[in-house]
PDB file of N, CA and C in Angstrom:
ATOM      1  N   MET A   1      14.167  23.317 -35.524  1.00  0.00           N
ATOM      2  CA  MET A   1      14.773  23.280 -34.212  1.00  0.00           C
ATOM      3  C   MET A   1      13.720  23.483 -33.125  1.00  0.00           C
ATOM      4  N   LYS A   2      12.790  24.408 -33.345  1.00  0.00           N
ATOM      5  CA  LYS A   2      11.745  24.665 -32.366  1.00  0.00           C
ATOM      6  C   LYS A   2      10.830  23.463 -32.223  1.00  0.00           C
ATOM      7  N   ILE A   3      10.633  22.733 -33.297  1.00  0.00           N
ATOM      8  CA  ILE A   3       9.759  21.560 -33.248  1.00  0.00           C
ATOM      9  C   ILE A   3      10.387  20.481 -32.368  1.00  0.00           C
ATOM     10  N   LYS A   4      11.698  20.330 -32.438  1.00  0.00           N
ATOM     11  CA  LYS A   4      12.373  19.339 -31.606  1.00  0.00           C
ATOM     12  C   LYS A   4      12.203  19.667 -30.125  1.00  0.00           C
ATOM     13  N   TYR A   5      12.348  20.925 -29.757  1.00  0.00           N
ATOM     14  CA  TYR A   5      12.164  21.324 -28.358  1.00  0.00           C
ATOM     15  C   TYR A   5      10.720  21.139 -27.924  1.00  0.00           C
ATOM     16  N   PHE A   6       9.809  21.464 -28.818  1.00  0.00           N
ATOM     17  CA  PHE A   6       8.393  21.305 -28.511  1.00  0.00           C
ATOM     18  C   PHE A   6       8.070  19.827 -28.257  1.00  0.00           C
ATOM     19  N   LEU A   7       8.554  18.941 -29.134  1.00  0.00           N
ATOM     20  CA  LEU A   7       8.318  17.511 -28.965  1.00  0.00           C
ATOM     21  C   LEU A   7       8.972  16.978 -27.697  1.00  0.00           C
ATOM     22  N   LEU A   8      10.143  17.484 -27.385  1.00  0.00           N
ATOM     23  CA  LEU A   8      10.828  17.077 -26.157  1.00  0.00           C
ATOM     24  C   LEU A   8      10.027  17.489 -24.929  1.00  0.00           C
ATOM     25  N   ILE A   9       9.503  18.693 -24.929  1.00  0.00           N
ATOM     26  CA  ILE A   9       8.698  19.173 -23.798  1.00  0.00           C
ATOM     27  C   ILE A   9       7.422  18.359 -23.675  1.00  0.00           C
ATOM     28  N   VAL A  10       6.768  18.065 -24.781  1.00  0.00           N
ATOM     29  CA  VAL A  10       5.544  17.253 -24.750  1.00  0.00           C
ATOM     30  C   VAL A  10       5.846  15.859 -24.213  1.00  0.00           C
ATOM     31  N   LEU A  11       6.955  15.284 -24.629  1.00  0.00           N
ATOM     32  CA  LEU A  11       7.339  13.966 -24.155  1.00  0.00           C
ATOM     33  C   LEU A  11       7.600  13.968 -22.651  1.00  0.00           C
ATOM     34  N   ILE A  12       8.318  14.954 -22.164  1.00  0.00           N
ATOM     35  CA  ILE A  12       8.623  15.059 -20.728  1.00  0.00           C
ATOM     36  C   ILE A  12       7.340  15.245 -19.919  1.00  0.00           C
ATOM     37  N   LEU A  13       6.449  16.106 -20.390  1.00  0.00           N
ATOM     38  CA  LEU A  13       5.195  16.327 -19.673  1.00  0.00           C
ATOM     39  C   LEU A  13       4.328  15.075 -19.651  1.00  0.00           C
ATOM     40  N   SER A  14       4.307  14.327 -20.735  1.00  0.00           N
ATOM     41  CA  SER A  14       3.493  13.111 -20.752  1.00  0.00           C
ATOM     42  C   SER A  14       4.051  12.059 -19.806  1.00  0.00           C
ATOM     43  N   VAL A  15       5.366  11.938 -19.716  1.00  0.00           N
ATOM     44  CA  VAL A  15       5.985  10.987 -18.790  1.00  0.00           C
ATOM     45  C   VAL A  15       5.729  11.402 -17.349  1.00  0.00           C
ATOM     46  N   CYS A  16       5.861  12.694 -17.053  1.00  0.00           N
ATOM     47  CA  CYS A  16       5.631  13.182 -15.688  1.00  0.00           C
ATOM     48  C   CYS A  16       4.186  12.993 -15.272  1.00  0.00           C
ATOM     49  N   SER A  17       3.248  13.248 -16.154  1.00  0.00           N
ATOM     50  CA  SER A  17       1.842  13.084 -15.790  1.00  0.00           C
ATOM     51  C   SER A  17       1.494  11.619 -15.617  1.00  0.00           C
ATOM     52  N   ALA A  18       2.113  10.737 -16.394  1.00  0.00           N
ATOM     53  CA  ALA A  18       1.863   9.303 -16.231  1.00  0.00           C
ATOM     54  C   ALA A  18       2.389   8.831 -14.879  1.00  0.00           C
ATOM     55  N   ARG A  19       3.540   9.320 -14.466  1.00  0.00           N
ATOM     56  CA  ARG A  19       4.088   8.923 -13.167  1.00  0.00           C
ATOM     57  C   ARG A  19       3.265   9.473 -12.018  1.00  0.00           C
ATOM     58  N   ALA A  20       2.733  10.657 -12.164  1.00  0.00           N
ATOM     59  CA  ALA A  20       1.945  11.263 -11.091  1.00  0.00           C
ATOM     60  C   ALA A  20       0.656  10.495 -10.851  1.00  0.00           C
ATOM     61  N   SER A  21       0.088   9.893 -11.889  1.00  0.00           N
ATOM     62  CA  SER A  21      -1.166   9.183 -11.716  1.00  0.00           C
ATOM     63  C   SER A  21      -0.962   7.721 -11.323  1.00  0.00           C
ATOM     64  N   ASP A  22       0.253   7.241 -11.368  1.00  0.00           N
ATOM     65  CA  ASP A  22       0.547   5.850 -11.050  1.00  0.00           C
ATOM     66  C   ASP A  22       0.924   5.690  -9.584  1.00  0.00           C
ATOM     67  N   LYS A  23       0.042   6.066  -8.692  1.00  0.00           N
ATOM     68  CA  LYS A  23       0.315   5.920  -7.268  1.00  0.00           C
ATOM     69  C   LYS A  23       0.121   4.470  -6.857  1.00  0.00           C
ATOM     70  N   ASP A  24       0.900   4.052  -5.889  1.00  0.00           N
ATOM     71  CA  ASP A  24       0.806   2.697  -5.369  1.00  0.00           C
ATOM     72  C   ASP A  24      -0.049   2.730  -4.100  1.00  0.00           C
ATOM     73  N   TYR A  25      -1.234   2.152  -4.189  1.00  0.00           N
ATOM     74  CA  TYR A  25      -2.166   2.163  -3.072  1.00  0.00           C
ATOM     75  C   TYR A  25      -2.088   0.884  -2.236  1.00  0.00           C
ATOM     76  N   SER A  26      -1.068   0.066  -2.457  1.00  0.00           N
ATOM     77  CA  SER A  26      -0.972  -1.190  -1.717  1.00  0.00           C
ATOM     78  C   SER A  26      -0.801  -0.952  -0.218  1.00  0.00           C
ATOM     79  N   ILE A  27      -0.161   0.139   0.169  1.00  0.00           N
ATOM     80  CA  ILE A  27       0.005   0.424   1.601  1.00  0.00           C
ATOM     81  C   ILE A  27      -1.346   0.683   2.262  1.00  0.00           C
ATOM     82  N   CYS A  28      -2.301   1.194   1.499  1.00  0.00           N
ATOM     83  CA  CYS A  28      -3.654   1.399   2.035  1.00  0.00           C
ATOM     84  C   CYS A  28      -4.306   0.043   2.319  1.00  0.00           C
ATOM     85  N   ALA A  29      -4.123  -0.910   1.400  1.00  0.00           N
ATOM     86  CA  ALA A  29      -4.659  -2.256   1.616  1.00  0.00           C
ATOM     87  C   ALA A  29      -3.980  -2.922   2.808  1.00  0.00           C
ATOM     88  N   VAL A  30      -2.687  -2.686   2.961  1.00  0.00           N
ATOM     89  CA  VAL A  30      -1.939  -3.233   4.100  1.00  0.00           C
ATOM     90  C   VAL A  30      -2.475  -2.650   5.409  1.00  0.00           C
ATOM     91  N   ALA A  31      -2.722  -1.347   5.437  1.00  0.00           N
ATOM     92  CA  ALA A  31      -3.284  -0.721   6.641  1.00  0.00           C
ATOM     93  C   ALA A  31      -4.655  -1.304   6.952  1.00  0.00           C
ATOM     94  N   GLY A  32      -5.465  -1.491   5.939  1.00  0.00           N
ATOM     95  CA  GLY A  32      -6.777  -2.094   6.136  1.00  0.00           C
ATOM     96  C   GLY A  32      -6.688  -3.528   6.626  1.00  0.00           C
ATOM     97  N   PHE A  33      -5.758  -4.291   6.076  1.00  0.00           N
ATOM     98  CA  PHE A  33      -5.568  -5.681   6.506  1.00  0.00           C
ATOM     99  C   PHE A  33      -5.254  -5.753   7.990  1.00  0.00           C
ATOM    100  N   HIS A  34      -4.304  -4.946   8.429  1.00  0.00           N
ATOM    101  CA  HIS A  34      -3.920  -4.992   9.840  1.00  0.00           C
ATOM    102  C   HIS A  34      -5.015  -4.433  10.744  1.00  0.00           C
ATOM    103  N   GLU A  35      -5.806  -3.506  10.229  1.00  0.00           N
ATOM    104  CA  GLU A  35      -6.951  -3.027  11.008  1.00  0.00           C
ATOM    105  C   GLU A  35      -7.994  -4.130  11.151  1.00  0.00           C
ATOM    106  N   GLY A  36      -8.266  -4.840  10.067  1.00  0.00           N
ATOM    107  CA  GLY A  36      -9.203  -5.961  10.134  1.00  0.00           C
ATOM    108  C   GLY A  36      -8.699  -7.089  10.998  1.00  0.00           C
ATOM    109  N   ASN A  37      -7.387  -7.172  11.138  1.00  0.00           N
ATOM    110  CA  ASN A  37      -6.726  -8.183  11.949  1.00  0.00           C
ATOM    111  C   ASN A  37      -6.544  -7.732  13.401  1.00  0.00           C
ATOM    112  N   ASN A  38      -6.970  -6.519  13.703  1.00  0.00           N
ATOM    113  CA  ASN A  38      -6.868  -5.932  15.046  1.00  0.00           C
ATOM    114  C   ASN A  38      -5.430  -5.786  15.524  1.00  0.00           C
ATOM    115  N   ASN A  39      -4.543  -5.438  14.613  1.00  0.00           N
ATOM    116  CA  ASN A  39      -3.145  -5.188  14.970  1.00  0.00           C
ATOM    117  C   ASN A  39      -2.919  -3.682  14.903  1.00  0.00           C
ATOM    118  N   ARG A  40      -3.123  -3.018  16.022  1.00  0.00           N
ATOM    119  CA  ARG A  40      -3.069  -1.559  16.073  1.00  0.00           C
ATOM    120  C   ARG A  40      -1.686  -1.011  15.719  1.00  0.00           C
ATOM    121  N   PHE A  41      -0.636  -1.686  16.156  1.00  0.00           N
ATOM    122  CA  PHE A  41       0.728  -1.226  15.908  1.00  0.00           C
ATOM    123  C   PHE A  41       1.016  -1.140  14.409  1.00  0.00           C
ATOM    124  N   LEU A  42       0.795  -2.241  13.690  1.00  0.00           N
ATOM    125  CA  LEU A  42       1.076  -2.261  12.259  1.00  0.00           C
ATOM    126  C   LEU A  42       0.087  -1.403  11.472  1.00  0.00           C
ATOM    127  N   THR A  43      -1.150  -1.299  11.961  1.00  0.00           N
ATOM    128  CA  THR A  43      -2.120  -0.411  11.312  1.00  0.00           C
ATOM    129  C   THR A  43      -1.635   1.027  11.362  1.00  0.00           C
ATOM    130  N   ASP A  44      -1.211   1.459  12.545  1.00  0.00           N
ATOM    131  CA  ASP A  44      -0.730   2.837  12.700  1.00  0.00           C
ATOM    132  C   ASP A  44       0.478   3.114  11.821  1.00  0.00           C
ATOM    133  N   LEU A  45       1.403   2.163  11.750  1.00  0.00           N
ATOM    134  CA  LEU A  45       2.592   2.361  10.927  1.00  0.00           C
ATOM    135  C   LEU A  45       2.233   2.447   9.444  1.00  0.00           C
ATOM    136  N   ALA A  46       1.377   1.554   8.972  1.00  0.00           N
ATOM    137  CA  ALA A  46       0.980   1.568   7.565  1.00  0.00           C
ATOM    138  C   ALA A  46       0.209   2.846   7.231  1.00  0.00           C
ATOM    139  N   GLU A  47      -0.637   3.300   8.163  1.00  0.00           N
ATOM    140  CA  GLU A  47      -1.373   4.543   7.940  1.00  0.00           C
ATOM    141  C   GLU A  47      -0.427   5.741   7.876  1.00  0.00           C
ATOM    142  N   ARG A  48       0.620   5.716   8.679  1.00  0.00           N
ATOM    143  CA  ARG A  48       1.609   6.808   8.621  1.00  0.00           C
ATOM    144  C   ARG A  48       2.321   6.839   7.280  1.00  0.00           C
ATOM    145  N   VAL A  49       2.647   5.659   6.757  1.00  0.00           N
ATOM    146  CA  VAL A  49       3.294   5.597   5.444  1.00  0.00           C
ATOM    147  C   VAL A  49       2.342   6.127   4.377  1.00  0.00           C
ATOM    148  N   ALA A  50       1.079   5.726   4.439  1.00  0.00           N
ATOM    149  CA  ALA A  50       0.090   6.199   3.464  1.00  0.00           C
ATOM    150  C   ALA A  50      -0.091   7.708   3.563  1.00  0.00           C
ATOM    151  N   ALA A  51      -0.132   8.224   4.787  1.00  0.00           N
ATOM    152  CA  ALA A  51      -0.282   9.676   4.973  1.00  0.00           C
ATOM    153  C   ALA A  51       0.942  10.419   4.462  1.00  0.00           C
ATOM    154  N   LYS A  52       2.113   9.860   4.711  1.00  0.00           N
ATOM    155  CA  LYS A  52       3.352  10.494   4.248  1.00  0.00           C
ATOM    156  C   LYS A  52       3.391  10.571   2.723  1.00  0.00           C
ATOM    157  N   ASN A  53       2.784   9.586   2.062  1.00  0.00           N
ATOM    158  CA  ASN A  53       2.742   9.563   0.603  1.00  0.00           C
ATOM    159  C   ASN A  53       1.494  10.255   0.034  1.00  0.00           C
ATOM    160  N   ASN A  54       0.784  10.981   0.895  1.00  0.00           N
ATOM    161  CA  ASN A  54      -0.410  11.741   0.492  1.00  0.00           C
ATOM    162  C   ASN A  54      -1.454  10.873  -0.209  1.00  0.00           C
ATOM    163  N   LEU A  55      -1.731   9.713   0.344  1.00  0.00           N
ATOM    164  CA  LEU A  55      -2.702   8.805  -0.256  1.00  0.00           C
ATOM    165  C   LEU A  55      -4.068   8.885   0.413  1.00  0.00           C
ATOM    166  N   PHE A  56      -4.115   9.298   1.676  1.00  0.00           N
ATOM    167  CA  PHE A  56      -5.398   9.369   2.370  1.00  0.00           C
ATOM    168  C   PHE A  56      -6.286  10.417   1.723  1.00  0.00           C
ATOM    169  N   GLY A  57      -7.539  10.091   1.634  1.00  0.00           N
ATOM    170  CA  GLY A  57      -8.509  10.992   1.017  1.00  0.00           C
ATOM    171  C   GLY A  57      -8.824  10.603  -0.413  1.00  0.00           C
ATOM    172  N   ASP A  58      -7.930   9.871  -1.070  1.00  0.00           N
ATOM    173  CA  ASP A  58      -8.199   9.390  -2.419  1.00  0.00           C
ATOM    174  C   ASP A  58      -9.234   8.276  -2.357  1.00  0.00           C
ATOM    175  N   GLU A  59     -10.082   8.231  -3.347  1.00  0.00           N
ATOM    176  CA  GLU A  59     -11.100   7.182  -3.406  1.00  0.00           C
ATOM    177  C   GLU A  59     -10.457   5.802  -3.565  1.00  0.00           C
ATOM    178  N   GLN A  60      -9.362   5.739  -4.295  1.00  0.00           N
ATOM    179  CA  GLN A  60      -8.681   4.461  -4.489  1.00  0.00           C
ATOM    180  C   GLN A  60      -8.091   3.955  -3.178  1.00  0.00           C
ATOM    181  N   CYS A  61      -7.604   4.869  -2.358  1.00  0.00           N
ATOM    182  CA  CYS A  61      -7.059   4.468  -1.063  1.00  0.00           C
ATOM    183  C   CYS A  61      -8.185   3.969  -0.157  1.00  0.00           C
ATOM    184  N   LYS A  62      -9.318   4.660  -0.180  1.00  0.00           N
ATOM    185  CA  LYS A  62     -10.461   4.222   0.630  1.00  0.00           C
ATOM    186  C   LYS A  62     -10.920   2.834   0.210  1.00  0.00           C
ATOM    187  N   ALA A  63     -10.955   2.576  -1.103  1.00  0.00           N
ATOM    188  CA  ALA A  63     -11.363   1.258  -1.592  1.00  0.00           C
ATOM    189  C   ALA A  63     -10.349   0.189  -1.189  1.00  0.00           C
ATOM    190  N   ALA A  64      -9.054   0.525  -1.261  1.00  0.00           N
ATOM    191  CA  ALA A  64      -8.012  -0.421  -0.867  1.00  0.00           C
ATOM    192  C   ALA A  64      -8.068  -0.695   0.639  1.00  0.00           C
ATOM    193  N   LEU A  65      -8.327   0.341   1.447  1.00  0.00           N
ATOM    194  CA  LEU A  65      -8.485   0.149   2.895  1.00  0.00           C
ATOM    195  C   LEU A  65      -9.623  -0.814   3.194  1.00  0.00           C
ATOM    196  N   LYS A  66     -10.743  -0.609   2.515  1.00  0.00           N
ATOM    197  CA  LYS A  66     -11.919  -1.458   2.731  1.00  0.00           C
ATOM    198  C   LYS A  66     -11.626  -2.900   2.330  1.00  0.00           C
ATOM    199  N   ALA A  67     -10.991  -3.080   1.170  1.00  0.00           N
ATOM    200  CA  ALA A  67     -10.662  -4.433   0.706  1.00  0.00           C
ATOM    201  C   ALA A  67      -9.691  -5.108   1.668  1.00  0.00           C
ATOM    202  N   GLY A  68      -8.687  -4.375   2.107  1.00  0.00           N
ATOM    203  CA  GLY A  68      -7.720  -4.929   3.044  1.00  0.00           C
ATOM    204  C   GLY A  68      -8.357  -5.300   4.372  1.00  0.00           C
ATOM    205  N   LYS A  69      -9.275  -4.465   4.831  1.00  0.00           N
ATOM    206  CA  LYS A  69      -9.955  -4.736   6.102  1.00  0.00           C
ATOM    207  C   LYS A  69     -10.797  -6.008   6.015  1.00  0.00           C
ATOM    208  N   GLU A  70     -11.463  -6.198   4.884  1.00  0.00           N
ATOM    209  CA  GLU A  70     -12.261  -7.414   4.697  1.00  0.00           C
ATOM    210  C   GLU A  70     -11.375  -8.658   4.688  1.00  0.00           C
ATOM    211  N   VAL A  71     -10.232  -8.569   4.019  1.00  0.00           N
ATOM    212  CA  VAL A  71      -9.304  -9.708   3.976  1.00  0.00           C
ATOM    213  C   VAL A  71      -8.733  -9.968   5.367  1.00  0.00           C
ATOM    214  N   GLY A  72      -8.360  -8.913   6.081  1.00  0.00           N
ATOM    215  CA  GLY A  72      -7.818  -9.063   7.426  1.00  0.00           C
ATOM    216  C   GLY A  72      -8.821  -9.651   8.394  1.00  0.00           C
ATOM    217  N   ALA A  73     -10.095  -9.289   8.244  1.00  0.00           N
ATOM    218  CA  ALA A  73     -11.132  -9.799   9.142  1.00  0.00           C
ATOM    219  C   ALA A  73     -11.369 -11.287   8.938  1.00  0.00           C
ATOM    220  N   LYS A  74     -11.261 -11.755   7.699  1.00  0.00           N
ATOM    221  CA  LYS A  74     -11.520 -13.173   7.458  1.00  0.00           C
ATOM    222  C   LYS A  74     -10.243 -14.017   7.451  1.00  0.00           C
ATOM    223  N   PHE A  75      -9.103 -13.392   7.718  1.00  0.00           N
ATOM    224  CA  PHE A  75      -7.822 -14.103   7.656  1.00  0.00           C
ATOM    225  C   PHE A  75      -7.763 -15.284   8.618  1.00  0.00           C
ATOM    226  N   PHE A  76      -8.246 -15.117   9.836  1.00  0.00           N
ATOM    227  CA  PHE A  76      -8.167 -16.177  10.840  1.00  0.00           C
ATOM    228  C   PHE A  76      -9.421 -17.036  10.915  1.00  0.00           C
ATOM    229  N   LYS A  77     -10.409 -16.753  10.070  1.00  0.00           N
ATOM    230  CA  LYS A  77     -11.631 -17.554  10.085  1.00  0.00           C
ATOM    231  C   LYS A  77     -11.369 -18.879   9.370  1.00  0.00           C
ATOM    232  N   PRO A  78     -11.605 -19.986  10.070  1.00  0.00           N
ATOM    233  CA  PRO A  78     -11.383 -21.278   9.423  1.00  0.00           C
ATOM    234  C   PRO A  78     -12.379 -21.496   8.287  1.00  0.00           C
ATOM    235  N   GLY A  79     -11.886 -22.016   7.189  1.00  0.00           N
ATOM    236  CA  GLY A  79     -12.749 -22.334   6.061  1.00  0.00           C
ATOM    237  C   GLY A  79     -13.117 -21.150   5.180  1.00  0.00           C
ATOM    238  N   ALA A  80     -12.584 -20.003   5.474  1.00  0.00           N
ATOM    239  CA  ALA A  80     -12.900 -18.822   4.657  1.00  0.00           C
ATOM    240  C   ALA A  80     -12.230 -18.971   3.298  1.00  0.00           C
ATOM    241  N   GLU A  81     -13.005 -18.738   2.252  1.00  0.00           N
ATOM    242  CA  GLU A  81     -12.445 -18.822   0.909  1.00  0.00           C
ATOM    243  C   GLU A  81     -11.632 -17.574   0.610  1.00  0.00           C
ATOM    244  N   ARG A  82     -10.523 -17.772  -0.092  1.00  0.00           N
ATOM    245  CA  ARG A  82      -9.653 -16.650  -0.434  1.00  0.00           C
ATOM    246  C   ARG A  82      -9.485 -16.594  -1.946  1.00  0.00           C
ATOM    247  N   THR A  83      -9.510 -15.386  -2.461  1.00  0.00           N
ATOM    248  CA  THR A  83      -9.302 -15.174  -3.883  1.00  0.00           C
ATOM    249  C   THR A  83      -7.829 -14.853  -4.129  1.00  0.00           C
ATOM    250  N   ASP A  84      -7.467 -14.764  -5.393  1.00  0.00           N
ATOM    251  CA  ASP A  84      -6.094 -14.375  -5.730  1.00  0.00           C
ATOM    252  C   ASP A  84      -5.797 -12.965  -5.218  1.00  0.00           C
ATOM    253  N   ALA A  85      -6.792 -12.079  -5.285  1.00  0.00           N
ATOM    254  CA  ALA A  85      -6.611 -10.713  -4.777  1.00  0.00           C
ATOM    255  C   ALA A  85      -6.377 -10.720  -3.270  1.00  0.00           C
ATOM    256  N   ASP A  86      -7.052 -11.634  -2.567  1.00  0.00           N
ATOM    257  CA  ASP A  86      -6.829 -11.761  -1.118  1.00  0.00           C
ATOM    258  C   ASP A  86      -5.390 -12.157  -0.825  1.00  0.00           C
ATOM    259  N   TYR A  87      -4.867 -13.103  -1.602  1.00  0.00           N
ATOM    260  CA  TYR A  87      -3.492 -13.555  -1.390  1.00  0.00           C
ATOM    261  C   TYR A  87      -2.480 -12.455  -1.686  1.00  0.00           C
ATOM    262  N   VAL A  88      -2.799 -11.602  -2.642  1.00  0.00           N
ATOM    263  CA  VAL A  88      -1.904 -10.471  -2.928  1.00  0.00           C
ATOM    264  C   VAL A  88      -1.833  -9.552  -1.714  1.00  0.00           C
ATOM    265  N   ILE A  89      -2.972  -9.234  -1.138  1.00  0.00           N
ATOM    266  CA  ILE A  89      -3.011  -8.366   0.041  1.00  0.00           C
ATOM    267  C   ILE A  89      -2.306  -9.032   1.218  1.00  0.00           C
ATOM    268  N   ILE A  90      -2.522 -10.321   1.394  1.00  0.00           N
ATOM    269  CA  ILE A  90      -1.878 -11.050   2.493  1.00  0.00           C
ATOM    270  C   ILE A  90      -0.361 -11.021   2.329  1.00  0.00           C
ATOM    271  N   ARG A  91       0.123 -11.234   1.113  1.00  0.00           N
ATOM    272  CA  ARG A  91       1.575 -11.190   0.866  1.00  0.00           C
ATOM    273  C   ARG A  91       2.142  -9.797   1.133  1.00  0.00           C
ATOM    274  N   GLN A  92       1.419  -8.768   0.702  1.00  0.00           N
ATOM    275  CA  GLN A  92       1.885  -7.394   0.928  1.00  0.00           C
ATOM    276  C   GLN A  92       1.919  -7.080   2.413  1.00  0.00           C
ATOM    277  N   ALA A  93       0.884  -7.489   3.139  1.00  0.00           N
ATOM    278  CA  ALA A  93       0.834  -7.231   4.578  1.00  0.00           C
ATOM    279  C   ALA A  93       1.929  -8.001   5.313  1.00  0.00           C
ATOM    280  N   THR A  94       2.179  -9.224   4.896  1.00  0.00           N
ATOM    281  CA  THR A  94       3.239 -10.018   5.503  1.00  0.00           C
ATOM    282  C   THR A  94       4.601  -9.400   5.232  1.00  0.00           C
ATOM    283  N   HIS A  95       4.813  -8.957   4.005  1.00  0.00           N
ATOM    284  CA  HIS A  95       6.076  -8.309   3.646  1.00  0.00           C
ATOM    285  C   HIS A  95       6.285  -7.039   4.477  1.00  0.00           C
ATOM    286  N   PHE A  96       5.242  -6.238   4.617  1.00  0.00           N
ATOM    287  CA  PHE A  96       5.323  -5.003   5.398  1.00  0.00           C
ATOM    288  C   PHE A  96       5.665  -5.317   6.852  1.00  0.00           C
ATOM    289  N   SER A  97       4.962  -6.267   7.449  1.00  0.00           N
ATOM    290  CA  SER A  97       5.230  -6.577   8.858  1.00  0.00           C
ATOM    291  C   SER A  97       6.633  -7.157   9.037  1.00  0.00           C
ATOM    292  N   ASN A  98       7.088  -7.967   8.093  1.00  0.00           N
ATOM    293  CA  ASN A  98       8.453  -8.501   8.176  1.00  0.00           C
ATOM    294  C   ASN A  98       9.488  -7.380   8.110  1.00  0.00           C
ATOM    295  N   MET A  99       9.266  -6.404   7.231  1.00  0.00           N
ATOM    296  CA  MET A  99      10.201  -5.272   7.141  1.00  0.00           C
ATOM    297  C   MET A  99      10.240  -4.495   8.447  1.00  0.00           C
ATOM    298  N   ILE A 100       9.087  -4.258   9.047  1.00  0.00           N
ATOM    299  CA  ILE A 100       9.019  -3.499  10.297  1.00  0.00           C
ATOM    300  C   ILE A 100       9.734  -4.253  11.407  1.00  0.00           C
ATOM    301  N   TYR A 101       9.399  -5.523  11.580  1.00  0.00           N
ATOM    302  CA  TYR A 101      10.001  -6.297  12.663  1.00  0.00           C
ATOM    303  C   TYR A 101      11.496  -6.517  12.440  1.00  0.00           C
ATOM    304  N   ASP A 102      11.910  -6.739  11.195  1.00  0.00           N
ATOM    305  CA  ASP A 102      13.345  -6.882  10.917  1.00  0.00           C
ATOM    306  C   ASP A 102      14.095  -5.595  11.221  1.00  0.00           C
ATOM    307  N   SER A 103      13.476  -4.477  10.908  1.00  0.00           N
ATOM    308  CA  SER A 103      14.100  -3.187  11.199  1.00  0.00           C
ATOM    309  C   SER A 103      14.258  -2.985  12.706  1.00  0.00           C
ATOM    310  N   ILE A 104      13.246  -3.340  13.450  1.00  0.00           N
ATOM    311  CA  ILE A 104      13.313  -3.210  14.906  1.00  0.00           C
ATOM    312  C   ILE A 104      14.372  -4.157  15.478  1.00  0.00           C
ATOM    313  N   LEU A 105      14.338  -5.397  15.022  1.00  0.00           N
ATOM    314  CA  LEU A 105      15.277  -6.387  15.551  1.00  0.00           C
ATOM    315  C   LEU A 105      16.724  -6.086  15.167  1.00  0.00           C
ATOM    316  N   SER A 106      16.936  -5.383  14.070  1.00  0.00           N
ATOM    317  CA  SER A 106      18.309  -5.051  13.669  1.00  0.00           C
ATOM    318  C   SER A 106      18.966  -4.096  14.667  1.00  0.00           C
ATOM    319  N   ARG A 107      18.163  -3.428  15.465  1.00  0.00           N
ATOM    320  CA  ARG A 107      18.691  -2.479  16.441  1.00  0.00           C
ATOM    321  C   ARG A 107      18.762  -3.052  17.849  1.00  0.00           C
ATOM    322  N   VAL A 108      18.288  -4.270  18.020  1.00  0.00           N
ATOM    323  CA  VAL A 108      18.292  -4.927  19.328  1.00  0.00           C
ATOM    324  C   VAL A 108      19.559  -5.760  19.454  1.00  0.00           C
ATOM    325  N   LYS A 109      20.296  -5.512  20.514  1.00  0.00           N
ATOM    326  CA  LYS A 109      21.542  -6.253  20.760  1.00  0.00           C
ATOM    327  C   LYS A 109      21.413  -6.990  22.088  1.00  0.00           C
ATOM    328  N   PHE A 110      21.663  -8.293  22.055  1.00  0.00           N
ATOM    329  CA  PHE A 110      21.669  -9.088  23.287  1.00  0.00           C
ATOM    330  C   PHE A 110      23.019  -9.684  23.511  1.00  0.00           C
TER     331      PHE A 110
END
């Protein structure tokens, strides 16, 4: 009986530790993208989300910010080559901005 409880506790702890390390740093890339794109409004919002999720200060978040900023800076450059990773960041940033603007517009009545 004690072995069953022990195994159950080990299983629960392993699942909890796996979830704790599986942070989603895509919001950091989104913040970097909008910063590279010179969109202060969306940059500030994405940074607030990242801060709320305690992502700032992590090395992975810093790397995602840098990658997003590079993609955002070359987004409007004609002829700039884009990788699959660039398109992932662009899709995430577009999705984020659409959610923000849709949320704002849902409260506007004309």
